[in-house]
Amino acid sequence: MSKTLPTRAENYAQWYQDLVIKADLAETSVVRGCMVIKPYGYAIWEKMQQTLDKMFKDTGHVNAYFPLFIPKSFFSKEASHVEGFAKECAVVTHYRLKNAPDGSGVIVDETAKLEEELIVRPTSETIIWNTYKGWIQSYRDLPLLINQWANVVRWEMRTRLFLRTSEFLWQEGHTAHATQQEAIEEAERMLDVYAEFAEKYLAIPVLKGVKTPNERFAGALESYCIEALMQDGKALQAGTSHFLGQNFAKAFDVKFTSKEGKLDYVWATSWGVSTRLMGALVMAHSDDDGLVLPPKLAPIQVVIVPVYKTEDELNRVSEVALKVKKELEQKNISVKFDNRDTHKPGWKFAEYELKGVPLRIAIGPRDLENQTVEVARRDTKEKNTYQLTDIALKVEHLLDHIQDNIYKKALNFRESKTCKADTYEEFKKLLDSEGGFIHAHWDGTPETEQRIKDETKATIRCIPLNNHKEEGKCILTGKPSTQRVVFARAY
């Protein structure tokens, strides 16, 4: 099965697209720009959801849900916000269909035009802040810490499964605070939550930093981000957290009375991650034979495949396999026993390799005689024989080791693809030959940033947090610079 994939070296983009489809993660929809997330892919997303949801609730947040449709007038209230999203909006103009007079099907009823068009949400700041006006009157109502799990629409002309689709799934946090400092602390706290999730669960090392004004979220005063590096040397923005200041509070007149009796606008944040993380998971770890999933997010952590020739052998092997399955499940390990008689063991081995199942256990008649099982790791493809008596403990240890090993491999790759450039020629040469993260001096102007982007397709991914000062000269203009920023080509 897996041999039908192109290699990453041959065609990385095609490898990614084919792998997402062949591993049953997702497929393109008849609706242009949209995708169908298949059960196996959605099971991974559910694990991400469950983990993040607990992390949000552990930091005091609660879930709510807001409308899919937003009145067009709301977008006019925050100028930079509407400018940032205007070209990506899907607009609802009518509310009814009717049969065509010639019997050719249904058409839009021209008499059913909406008085005000509705925008299918590209993000929910406007509808949420309009709602918060009725929820916040006093400092006693603050902080308001709310998250929403939802779908959004941002119209895309060129799409790629999970990485860029017109509709995608995400979560968006929207919080209100009494002081500027509280809001900044919230934005930074949620960035830390995202970074912890990326490294401990996705097994992807990330850089934490702030975006330049050119790359900042529309309507934000500061955008924090985590940046990951994919195996083709391109960066991927894996999460963002925004300090919105009082912009949306002023746009929607959300005020509160302080302890001192003073009336003031609240301070805001928003933060989100999306199904783009599914793309990151595939591109950061997988190989030419298929997915490589970190155990903490794998829908199936262990698959047990029986090897047999006769029905009697199957019955004897199955009895032991089911005992092993039960023993592993008691340790909260997800296990699949694949006893289908429609496929040979070799075919199943290839299928679960393609799907990235972290551990495969094979049990045959000879194993029963020796009271052993064969265990194969997906990350290193090592095979070892273990005694049945301590298999649960061994599997538990192996899953932890695989999680750590996948992370270390990604970290070593990132370190090998991180370098410094001191001249523009060196910068361009590194971009074309190595890719990866390039630390270089920039004069701080949007004009220079845009020119570098236009000429090289590289963007400033972030200004690293806690970046140490270093005097230097901008690689393009030669003007003074006080610190290096991180450049990369990106998805």
Protein backbone atom coordinates (compact mmCIF):
# COMPACT_ATOMS: atom_id res chain seq x y z
CA MET A 1 0.00 0.00 0.00
CA SER A 2 2.56 2.58 1.14
CA LYS A 3 4.80 2.01 -1.88
CA THR A 4 2.31 3.92 -4.02
CA LEU A 5 3.36 7.19 -2.37
CA PRO A 6 5.86 9.43 -4.12
CA THR A 7 8.93 10.09 -1.99
CA ARG A 8 9.36 13.40 -0.18
CA ALA A 9 12.52 14.05 -2.20
CA GLU A 10 10.71 13.49 -5.52
CA ASN A 11 7.69 15.72 -4.89
CA TYR A 12 7.02 16.89 -1.35
CA ALA A 13 3.70 18.57 -2.17
CA GLN A 14 2.36 15.49 -3.97
CA TRP A 15 3.67 13.22 -1.22
CA TYR A 16 1.70 15.25 1.33
CA GLN A 17 -1.51 15.33 -0.71
CA ASP A 18 -1.38 11.61 -1.51
CA LEU A 19 -0.58 10.66 2.07
CA VAL A 20 -3.49 12.62 3.54
CA ILE A 21 -5.84 10.85 1.12
CA LYS A 22 -4.35 7.33 1.23
CA ALA A 23 -4.07 7.33 5.02
CA ASP A 24 -7.80 8.11 5.21
CA LEU A 25 -7.40 11.47 6.92
CA ALA A 26 -9.41 13.57 4.49
CA GLU A 27 -10.51 14.02 0.90
CA THR A 28 -11.58 16.90 -1.31
CA SER A 29 -15.28 17.74 -1.40
CA VAL A 30 -17.59 18.47 -4.32
CA VAL A 31 -17.81 21.93 -2.76
CA ARG A 32 -14.82 23.74 -4.20
CA GLY A 33 -12.20 24.61 -1.61
CA CYS A 34 -13.75 22.45 1.10
CA MET A 35 -12.74 19.07 2.50
CA VAL A 36 -14.32 16.02 4.05
CA ILE A 37 -12.48 14.99 7.22
CA LYS A 38 -12.74 11.19 7.34
CA PRO A 39 -13.25 9.20 10.57
CA TYR A 40 -9.55 8.37 11.07
CA GLY A 41 -8.54 12.01 10.54
CA TYR A 42 -11.37 13.26 12.72
CA ALA A 43 -10.34 10.86 15.51
CA ILE A 44 -6.94 12.62 15.59
CA TRP A 45 -8.63 16.04 15.63
CA GLU A 46 -10.88 14.86 18.49
CA LYS A 47 -7.80 13.92 20.53
CA MET A 48 -6.37 17.36 19.85
CA GLN A 49 -9.69 18.94 20.87
CA GLN A 50 -10.00 16.95 24.07
CA THR A 51 -6.44 17.74 25.13
CA LEU A 52 -6.65 21.44 24.36
CA ASP A 53 -10.13 21.75 25.87
CA LYS A 54 -8.82 20.43 29.19
CA MET A 55 -5.83 22.77 29.03
CA PHE A 56 -8.18 25.72 28.43
CA LYS A 57 -10.46 24.74 31.30
CA ASP A 58 -7.48 24.20 33.59
CA THR A 59 -6.60 27.87 32.99
CA GLY A 60 -10.11 29.06 33.90
CA HIS A 61 -11.82 29.23 30.50
CA VAL A 62 -15.33 28.04 29.65
CA ASN A 63 -16.94 27.15 26.32
CA ALA A 64 -19.80 28.95 24.58
CA TYR A 65 -21.17 29.17 21.04
CA PHE A 66 -21.96 32.21 18.89
CA PRO A 67 -23.80 32.57 15.55
CA LEU A 68 -22.33 31.46 12.23
CA PHE A 69 -23.70 34.59 10.54
CA ILE A 70 -22.52 38.11 11.25
CA PRO A 71 -24.34 41.29 10.08
CA LYS A 72 -22.26 43.05 7.46
CA SER A 73 -22.43 46.35 9.38
CA PHE A 74 -20.48 44.82 12.26
CA PHE A 75 -17.39 44.60 10.08
CA SER A 76 -17.47 48.33 9.44
CA LYS A 77 -17.00 49.13 13.12
CA GLU A 78 -13.31 48.16 13.36
CA ALA A 79 -11.53 49.51 10.29
CA SER A 80 -8.34 47.42 10.28
CA HIS A 81 -10.36 44.26 10.99
CA VAL A 82 -12.62 44.66 7.97
CA GLU A 83 -9.64 45.52 5.77
CA GLY A 84 -7.89 42.34 6.87
CA PHE A 85 -10.80 40.02 6.06
CA ALA A 86 -12.78 41.80 3.32
CA LYS A 87 -11.34 39.77 0.43
CA GLU A 88 -12.01 36.40 2.12
CA CYS A 89 -15.67 36.79 3.11
CA ALA A 90 -18.57 34.63 1.94
CA VAL A 91 -21.76 36.74 1.84
CA VAL A 92 -25.40 35.65 2.23
CA THR A 93 -27.68 37.94 0.23
CA HIS A 94 -31.00 36.01 0.00
CA TYR A 95 -32.99 33.75 2.31
CA ARG A 96 -35.17 31.69 -0.03
CA LEU A 97 -35.18 29.55 -3.19
CA LYS A 98 -38.00 28.86 -5.65
CA ASN A 99 -38.66 26.57 -8.59
CA ALA A 100 -37.51 27.95 -11.93
CA PRO A 101 -40.44 28.82 -14.24
CA ASP A 102 -39.01 26.60 -16.99
CA GLY A 103 -38.82 23.60 -14.65
CA SER A 104 -35.02 23.41 -14.82
CA GLY A 105 -34.58 23.27 -11.03
CA VAL A 106 -34.39 25.79 -8.23
CA ILE A 107 -33.23 29.39 -8.43
CA VAL A 108 -32.75 32.19 -5.93
CA ASP A 109 -35.99 34.00 -5.17
CA GLU A 110 -35.14 37.56 -6.16
CA THR A 111 -37.93 38.89 -3.90
CA ALA A 112 -36.28 37.32 -0.82
CA LYS A 113 -33.32 39.68 -0.59
CA LEU A 114 -32.03 40.32 2.93
CA GLU A 115 -32.30 43.89 4.19
CA GLU A 116 -28.72 43.53 5.45
CA GLU A 117 -26.33 40.94 4.07
CA LEU A 118 -24.88 38.37 6.46
CA ILE A 119 -21.22 37.36 6.48
CA VAL A 120 -20.34 33.72 7.12
CA ARG A 121 -17.89 34.13 10.00
CA PRO A 122 -14.21 34.32 9.01
CA THR A 123 -13.55 34.91 12.75
CA SER A 124 -15.93 35.93 15.52
CA GLU A 125 -14.54 39.07 17.18
CA THR A 126 -17.34 41.32 15.92
CA ILE A 127 -20.35 39.16 16.84
CA ILE A 128 -18.79 38.25 20.19
CA TRP A 129 -17.94 41.81 21.19
CA ASN A 130 -21.41 42.96 20.23
CA THR A 131 -22.71 40.24 22.59
CA TYR A 132 -20.27 41.09 25.38
CA LYS A 133 -21.76 44.59 25.58
CA GLY A 134 -24.79 43.05 27.28
CA TRP A 135 -22.70 40.81 29.55
CA ILE A 136 -20.24 43.32 31.01
CA GLN A 137 -21.20 46.24 33.22
CA SER A 138 -18.91 46.05 36.24
CA TYR A 139 -15.43 44.91 37.26
CA ARG A 140 -17.29 42.02 38.96
CA ASP A 141 -18.05 40.65 35.45
CA LEU A 142 -14.34 40.48 34.63
CA PRO A 143 -12.28 38.71 33.54
CA LEU A 144 -14.56 37.06 31.00
CA LEU A 145 -12.72 33.96 29.71
CA ILE A 146 -14.59 32.27 26.87
CA ASN A 147 -13.64 29.80 24.16
CA GLN A 148 -15.63 28.61 21.15
CA TRP A 149 -15.17 25.42 19.09
CA ALA A 150 -16.51 26.19 15.63
CA ASN A 151 -16.05 26.25 11.88
CA VAL A 152 -15.11 29.35 9.91
CA VAL A 153 -15.02 30.31 6.24
CA ARG A 154 -12.22 32.24 4.55
CA TRP A 155 -12.57 32.07 0.79
CA GLU A 156 -9.49 30.51 -0.80
CA MET A 157 -8.58 30.25 -4.48
CA ARG A 158 -5.72 27.73 -4.07
CA THR A 159 -6.41 25.09 -1.47
CA ARG A 160 -4.54 22.19 0.13
CA LEU A 161 -6.11 19.67 2.50
CA PHE A 162 -5.87 20.84 6.14
CA LEU A 163 -3.33 23.56 5.34
CA ARG A 164 -5.57 25.93 3.42
CA THR A 165 -9.27 25.29 2.82
CA SER A 166 -12.22 27.65 2.47
CA GLU A 167 -13.91 26.10 5.49
CA PHE A 168 -11.95 24.75 8.44
CA LEU A 169 -12.46 23.80 12.07
CA TRP A 170 -10.85 25.63 14.94
CA GLN A 171 -11.21 27.05 18.40
CA GLU A 172 -11.21 30.75 19.13
CA GLY A 173 -10.79 32.21 22.58
CA HIS A 174 -12.13 35.69 23.29
CA THR A 175 -11.45 37.28 26.66
CA ALA A 176 -12.18 40.59 28.36
CA HIS A 177 -10.11 42.14 31.17
CA ALA A 178 -10.11 45.13 33.50
CA THR A 179 -6.51 46.16 32.80
CA GLN A 180 -4.03 46.23 29.97
CA GLN A 181 -1.55 44.14 31.94
CA GLU A 182 -4.11 41.40 32.61
CA ALA A 183 -4.93 41.16 28.91
CA ILE A 184 -1.26 40.98 27.89
CA GLU A 185 -0.66 38.26 30.52
CA GLU A 186 -3.64 36.31 29.13
CA ALA A 187 -2.33 36.51 25.54
CA GLU A 188 1.09 35.30 26.68
CA ARG A 189 -0.40 32.57 28.89
CA MET A 190 -2.37 31.12 25.99
CA LEU A 191 0.71 31.22 23.77
CA ASP A 192 2.44 29.10 26.43
CA VAL A 193 -0.52 26.68 26.40
CA TYR A 194 -0.20 26.30 22.62
CA ALA A 195 3.56 25.80 22.83
CA GLU A 196 3.16 23.15 25.54
CA PHE A 197 0.52 21.35 23.46
CA ALA A 198 2.68 21.45 20.33
CA GLU A 199 5.77 20.08 22.05
CA LYS A 200 4.25 17.57 24.51
CA TYR A 201 1.45 16.21 22.33
CA LEU A 202 2.18 17.00 18.67
CA ALA A 203 5.88 16.33 19.40
CA ILE A 204 6.74 19.41 17.33
CA PRO A 205 9.31 21.92 18.67
CA VAL A 206 8.17 25.52 18.18
CA LEU A 207 9.60 29.02 18.31
CA LYS A 208 7.61 31.51 20.39
CA GLY A 209 7.62 35.10 19.24
CA VAL A 210 5.70 38.18 18.16
CA LYS A 211 4.65 39.09 14.64
CA THR A 212 5.80 42.21 12.87
CA PRO A 213 3.16 44.89 12.19
CA ASN A 214 2.94 43.64 8.57
CA GLU A 215 2.05 40.11 9.75
CA ARG A 216 -0.12 41.10 12.72
CA PHE A 217 -3.74 39.96 13.05
CA ALA A 218 -6.22 42.52 11.70
CA GLY A 219 -7.32 44.64 14.67
CA ALA A 220 -4.59 43.54 17.10
CA LEU A 221 -1.99 45.67 18.86
CA GLU A 222 0.30 42.65 19.25
CA SER A 223 0.20 39.14 17.76
CA TYR A 224 2.08 36.32 19.45
CA CYS A 225 2.77 33.11 17.55
CA ILE A 226 4.33 29.68 17.63
CA GLU A 227 6.25 28.72 14.50
CA ALA A 228 7.08 25.14 13.50
CA LEU A 229 9.44 23.82 10.82
CA MET A 230 8.28 21.20 8.33
CA GLN A 231 10.53 18.59 6.69
CA ASP A 232 10.77 20.52 3.42
CA GLY A 233 12.37 23.44 5.25
CA LYS A 234 9.23 25.63 5.22
CA ALA A 235 7.74 27.19 8.32
CA LEU A 236 4.16 26.73 9.45
CA GLN A 237 2.35 29.05 11.84
CA ALA A 238 0.91 26.60 14.37
CA GLY A 239 -1.01 28.96 16.66
CA THR A 240 -1.57 32.62 17.42
CA SER A 241 -2.60 34.69 20.42
CA HIS A 242 -3.51 38.36 20.08
CA PHE A 243 -3.54 41.34 22.42
CA LEU A 244 -6.37 43.45 21.00
CA GLY A 245 -6.06 46.43 23.33
CA GLN A 246 -9.37 48.32 23.57
CA ASN A 247 -10.01 48.39 19.81
CA PHE A 248 -13.02 46.06 19.78
CA ALA A 249 -14.35 47.34 23.10
CA LYS A 250 -14.41 50.86 21.65
CA ALA A 251 -15.89 49.68 18.35
CA PHE A 252 -18.78 47.95 20.17
CA ASP A 253 -18.95 50.28 23.21
CA VAL A 254 -18.11 47.65 25.82
CA LYS A 255 -17.46 49.54 29.06
CA PHE A 256 -17.27 48.57 32.72
CA THR A 257 -17.36 50.38 36.04
CA SER A 258 -14.12 49.89 37.97
CA LYS A 259 -13.78 49.41 41.74
CA GLU A 260 -13.12 53.13 41.96
CA GLY A 261 -16.37 53.89 40.16
CA LYS A 262 -14.66 54.98 36.95
CA LEU A 263 -16.18 54.01 33.59
CA ASP A 264 -13.65 52.56 31.13
CA TYR A 265 -13.38 50.30 28.09
CA VAL A 266 -12.35 46.68 28.72
CA TRP A 267 -9.12 45.16 27.39
CA ALA A 268 -9.31 42.21 25.03
CA THR A 269 -7.52 39.15 23.67
CA SER A 270 -8.28 36.48 21.10
CA TRP A 271 -6.39 33.27 20.33
CA GLY A 272 -6.84 30.21 18.16
CA VAL A 273 -5.55 27.04 16.55
CA SER A 274 -7.18 25.11 13.72
CA THR A 275 -7.21 21.87 11.75
CA ARG A 276 -4.03 23.25 10.16
CA LEU A 277 -2.36 21.40 13.05
CA MET A 278 -3.35 18.18 11.27
CA GLY A 279 -1.21 19.27 8.34
CA ALA A 280 1.64 20.12 10.70
CA LEU A 281 1.42 16.66 12.27
CA VAL A 282 1.70 14.98 8.86
CA MET A 283 4.52 17.15 7.51
CA ALA A 284 6.68 17.28 10.63
CA HIS A 285 7.01 13.54 11.28
CA SER A 286 5.86 11.30 8.43
CA ASP A 287 8.14 9.39 6.06
CA ASP A 288 8.05 7.89 2.57
CA ASP A 289 6.09 4.87 3.86
CA GLY A 290 3.28 6.85 5.48
CA LEU A 291 2.20 8.63 8.64
CA VAL A 292 4.27 8.66 11.80
CA LEU A 293 1.94 9.60 14.65
CA PRO A 294 3.00 10.56 18.18
CA PRO A 295 1.33 8.07 20.54
CA LYS A 296 -0.47 10.77 22.56
CA LEU A 297 -2.55 11.71 19.50
CA ALA A 298 -2.76 8.38 17.66
CA PRO A 299 -6.35 7.05 17.45
CA ILE A 300 -4.91 3.53 17.58
CA GLN A 301 -1.76 3.32 19.72
CA VAL A 302 -1.28 -0.42 19.32
CA VAL A 303 -2.57 -2.82 16.66
CA ILE A 304 -2.49 -6.57 17.22
CA VAL A 305 -2.28 -8.66 14.05
CA PRO A 306 -2.77 -12.44 14.27
CA VAL A 307 -0.59 -14.62 12.04
CA TYR A 308 -2.14 -18.01 11.28
CA LYS A 309 -2.83 -20.64 8.63
CA THR A 310 -5.74 -22.64 10.06
CA GLU A 311 -8.90 -21.75 11.89
CA ASP A 312 -7.63 -23.61 14.95
CA GLU A 313 -4.48 -21.48 14.98
CA LEU A 314 -6.61 -18.32 14.65
CA ASN A 315 -8.73 -19.36 17.63
CA ARG A 316 -5.69 -20.03 19.82
CA VAL A 317 -3.92 -16.84 18.77
CA SER A 318 -7.11 -14.78 19.21
CA GLU A 319 -7.55 -15.96 22.79
CA VAL A 320 -4.09 -14.68 23.73
CA ALA A 321 -4.46 -11.50 21.63
CA LEU A 322 -7.68 -10.55 23.40
CA LYS A 323 -6.02 -11.04 26.79
CA VAL A 324 -3.15 -8.75 25.72
CA LYS A 325 -5.68 -6.22 24.41
CA LYS A 326 -7.56 -6.17 27.71
CA GLU A 327 -4.33 -5.83 29.70
CA LEU A 328 -3.22 -2.85 27.59
CA GLU A 329 -6.63 -1.16 27.74
CA GLN A 330 -6.50 -1.33 31.53
CA LYS A 331 -3.50 1.01 31.21
CA ASN A 332 -5.60 3.39 29.05
CA ILE A 333 -3.79 2.34 25.86
CA SER A 334 -6.00 2.30 22.75
CA VAL A 335 -5.74 -1.07 21.00
CA LYS A 336 -7.17 -2.57 17.82
CA PHE A 337 -7.24 -6.35 17.30
CA ASP A 338 -7.41 -6.84 13.53
CA ASN A 339 -8.74 -10.35 12.98
CA ARG A 340 -10.21 -9.68 9.52
CA ASP A 341 -9.95 -12.77 7.34
CA THR A 342 -10.22 -10.71 4.14
CA HIS A 343 -6.59 -9.54 4.21
CA LYS A 344 -3.22 -11.23 4.73
CA PRO A 345 -0.98 -10.18 7.65
CA GLY A 346 1.51 -8.55 5.27
CA TRP A 347 -1.22 -6.35 3.80
CA LYS A 348 -2.29 -5.32 7.31
CA PHE A 349 1.30 -4.52 8.27
CA ALA A 350 1.53 -2.14 5.31
CA GLU A 351 -1.86 -0.58 6.11
CA TYR A 352 -0.95 0.25 9.70
CA GLU A 353 2.47 1.48 8.65
CA LEU A 354 0.73 3.85 6.23
CA LYS A 355 -1.66 4.98 8.98
CA GLY A 356 1.16 5.65 11.43
CA VAL A 357 0.08 3.33 14.25
CA PRO A 358 2.95 3.66 16.79
CA LEU A 359 3.23 -0.02 17.74
CA ARG A 360 2.32 -3.26 15.96
CA ILE A 361 2.15 -6.57 17.78
CA ALA A 362 2.20 -9.77 15.74
CA ILE A 363 1.19 -13.05 17.37
CA GLY A 364 1.47 -16.46 15.69
CA PRO A 365 1.46 -20.14 16.76
CA ARG A 366 5.22 -20.14 17.34
CA ASP A 367 4.85 -17.13 19.63
CA LEU A 368 2.30 -19.05 21.67
CA GLU A 369 4.77 -21.89 22.12
CA ASN A 370 7.49 -19.48 23.27
CA GLN A 371 5.10 -17.25 25.26
CA THR A 372 6.39 -14.24 23.31
CA VAL A 373 5.15 -11.60 20.86
CA GLU A 374 6.87 -9.62 18.10
CA VAL A 375 6.62 -5.84 18.55
CA ALA A 376 7.42 -3.41 15.70
CA ARG A 377 7.91 0.35 16.21
CA ARG A 378 6.60 2.71 13.55
CA ASP A 379 9.10 5.49 14.24
CA THR A 380 12.31 3.46 13.91
CA LYS A 381 10.88 0.29 12.27
CA GLU A 382 12.75 -1.79 14.85
CA LYS A 383 11.32 -5.21 15.68
CA ASN A 384 11.86 -6.95 19.00
CA THR A 385 10.53 -10.03 20.76
CA TYR A 386 9.11 -9.63 24.27
CA GLN A 387 7.78 -12.03 26.86
CA LEU A 388 3.99 -12.14 27.20
CA THR A 389 4.24 -11.90 30.96
CA ASP A 390 5.44 -8.29 30.95
CA ILE A 391 4.12 -7.06 27.60
CA ALA A 392 1.86 -4.33 29.05
CA LEU A 393 4.74 -2.72 30.94
CA LYS A 394 6.99 -2.95 27.86
CA VAL A 395 4.35 -1.38 25.59
CA GLU A 396 3.72 1.46 28.05
CA HIS A 397 7.45 2.19 28.17
CA LEU A 398 7.81 1.95 24.38
CA LEU A 399 4.96 4.40 23.73
CA ASP A 400 6.61 6.97 26.02
CA HIS A 401 9.94 6.39 24.27
CA ILE A 402 8.36 6.78 20.82
CA GLN A 403 6.74 10.09 21.84
CA ASP A 404 10.10 11.40 23.07
CA ASN A 405 12.01 10.06 20.08
CA ILE A 406 9.67 11.67 17.54
CA TYR A 407 10.07 15.02 19.31
CA LYS A 408 13.87 14.73 19.49
CA LYS A 409 14.08 13.82 15.82
CA ALA A 410 12.03 16.91 14.90
CA LEU A 411 14.13 19.08 17.22
CA ASN A 412 17.39 17.79 15.73
CA PHE A 413 16.04 18.48 12.25
CA ARG A 414 15.09 22.04 13.20
CA GLU A 415 18.51 22.67 14.72
CA SER A 416 20.18 21.37 11.56
CA LYS A 417 18.04 23.76 9.52
CA THR A 418 18.60 26.86 11.65
CA CYS A 419 21.35 29.26 10.68
CA LYS A 420 22.45 32.90 10.59
CA ALA A 421 22.90 35.18 7.60
CA ASP A 422 24.80 38.45 7.68
CA THR A 423 24.47 39.55 4.03
CA TYR A 424 21.60 39.51 1.56
CA GLU A 425 23.53 37.26 -0.82
CA GLU A 426 24.23 34.77 1.96
CA PHE A 427 20.57 34.96 2.99
CA LYS A 428 19.29 34.16 -0.52
CA LYS A 429 21.81 31.36 -0.96
CA LEU A 430 20.77 29.74 2.33
CA LEU A 431 17.08 30.06 1.43
CA ASP A 432 17.56 28.28 -1.88
CA SER A 433 19.95 25.58 -0.65
CA GLU A 434 18.88 24.83 2.91
CA GLY A 435 15.55 26.49 3.67
CA GLY A 436 14.70 26.40 7.36
CA PHE A 437 14.86 29.22 9.90
CA ILE A 438 17.33 31.98 9.09
CA HIS A 439 18.21 34.47 11.84
CA ALA A 440 19.12 37.78 10.27
CA HIS A 441 19.16 41.49 11.00
CA TRP A 442 16.30 43.69 9.77
CA ASP A 443 16.04 47.46 9.96
CA GLY A 444 12.53 47.36 11.44
CA THR A 445 10.70 48.98 8.51
CA PRO A 446 7.68 47.44 6.77
CA GLU A 447 9.10 48.55 3.41
CA THR A 448 12.24 46.45 3.84
CA GLU A 449 10.21 43.49 5.10
CA GLN A 450 7.91 43.68 2.06
CA ARG A 451 10.78 44.00 -0.41
CA ILE A 452 12.50 40.90 1.03
CA LYS A 453 9.20 39.02 0.77
CA ASP A 454 8.62 40.13 -2.84
CA GLU A 455 12.16 39.22 -3.92
CA THR A 456 12.66 35.93 -2.03
CA LYS A 457 9.16 34.74 -0.91
CA ALA A 458 10.57 34.65 2.65
CA THR A 459 8.69 36.34 5.48
CA ILE A 460 9.59 37.31 9.01
CA ARG A 461 8.03 34.44 10.93
CA CYS A 462 8.54 36.07 14.29
CA ILE A 463 10.65 38.28 16.51
CA PRO A 464 11.59 35.66 19.13
CA LEU A 465 10.41 36.30 22.67
CA ASN A 466 13.24 37.05 25.10
CA ASN A 467 15.38 37.80 22.05
CA HIS A 468 18.80 38.98 23.19
CA LYS A 469 20.01 42.28 21.80
CA GLU A 470 22.71 42.13 19.16
CA GLU A 471 23.97 45.13 17.26
CA GLY A 472 24.18 44.57 13.53
CA LYS A 473 23.19 45.80 10.07
CA CYS A 474 20.08 44.97 8.08
CA ILE A 475 20.85 42.35 5.45
CA LEU A 476 19.07 44.38 2.76
CA THR A 477 19.58 48.08 3.54
CA GLY A 478 22.66 48.04 5.77
CA LYS A 479 20.84 50.24 8.29
CA PRO A 480 21.44 49.64 12.03
CA SER A 481 19.60 46.77 13.74
CA THR A 482 19.45 45.83 17.42
CA GLN A 483 18.40 42.17 17.10
CA ARG A 484 18.00 39.28 14.68
CA VAL A 485 14.56 38.13 13.54
CA VAL A 486 13.54 34.75 12.12
CA PHE A 487 12.95 34.52 8.37
CA ALA A 488 11.62 31.50 6.43
CA ARG A 489 9.52 30.57 3.47
CA ALA A 490 6.21 29.38 4.82
CA TYR A 491 2.88 27.70 4.23
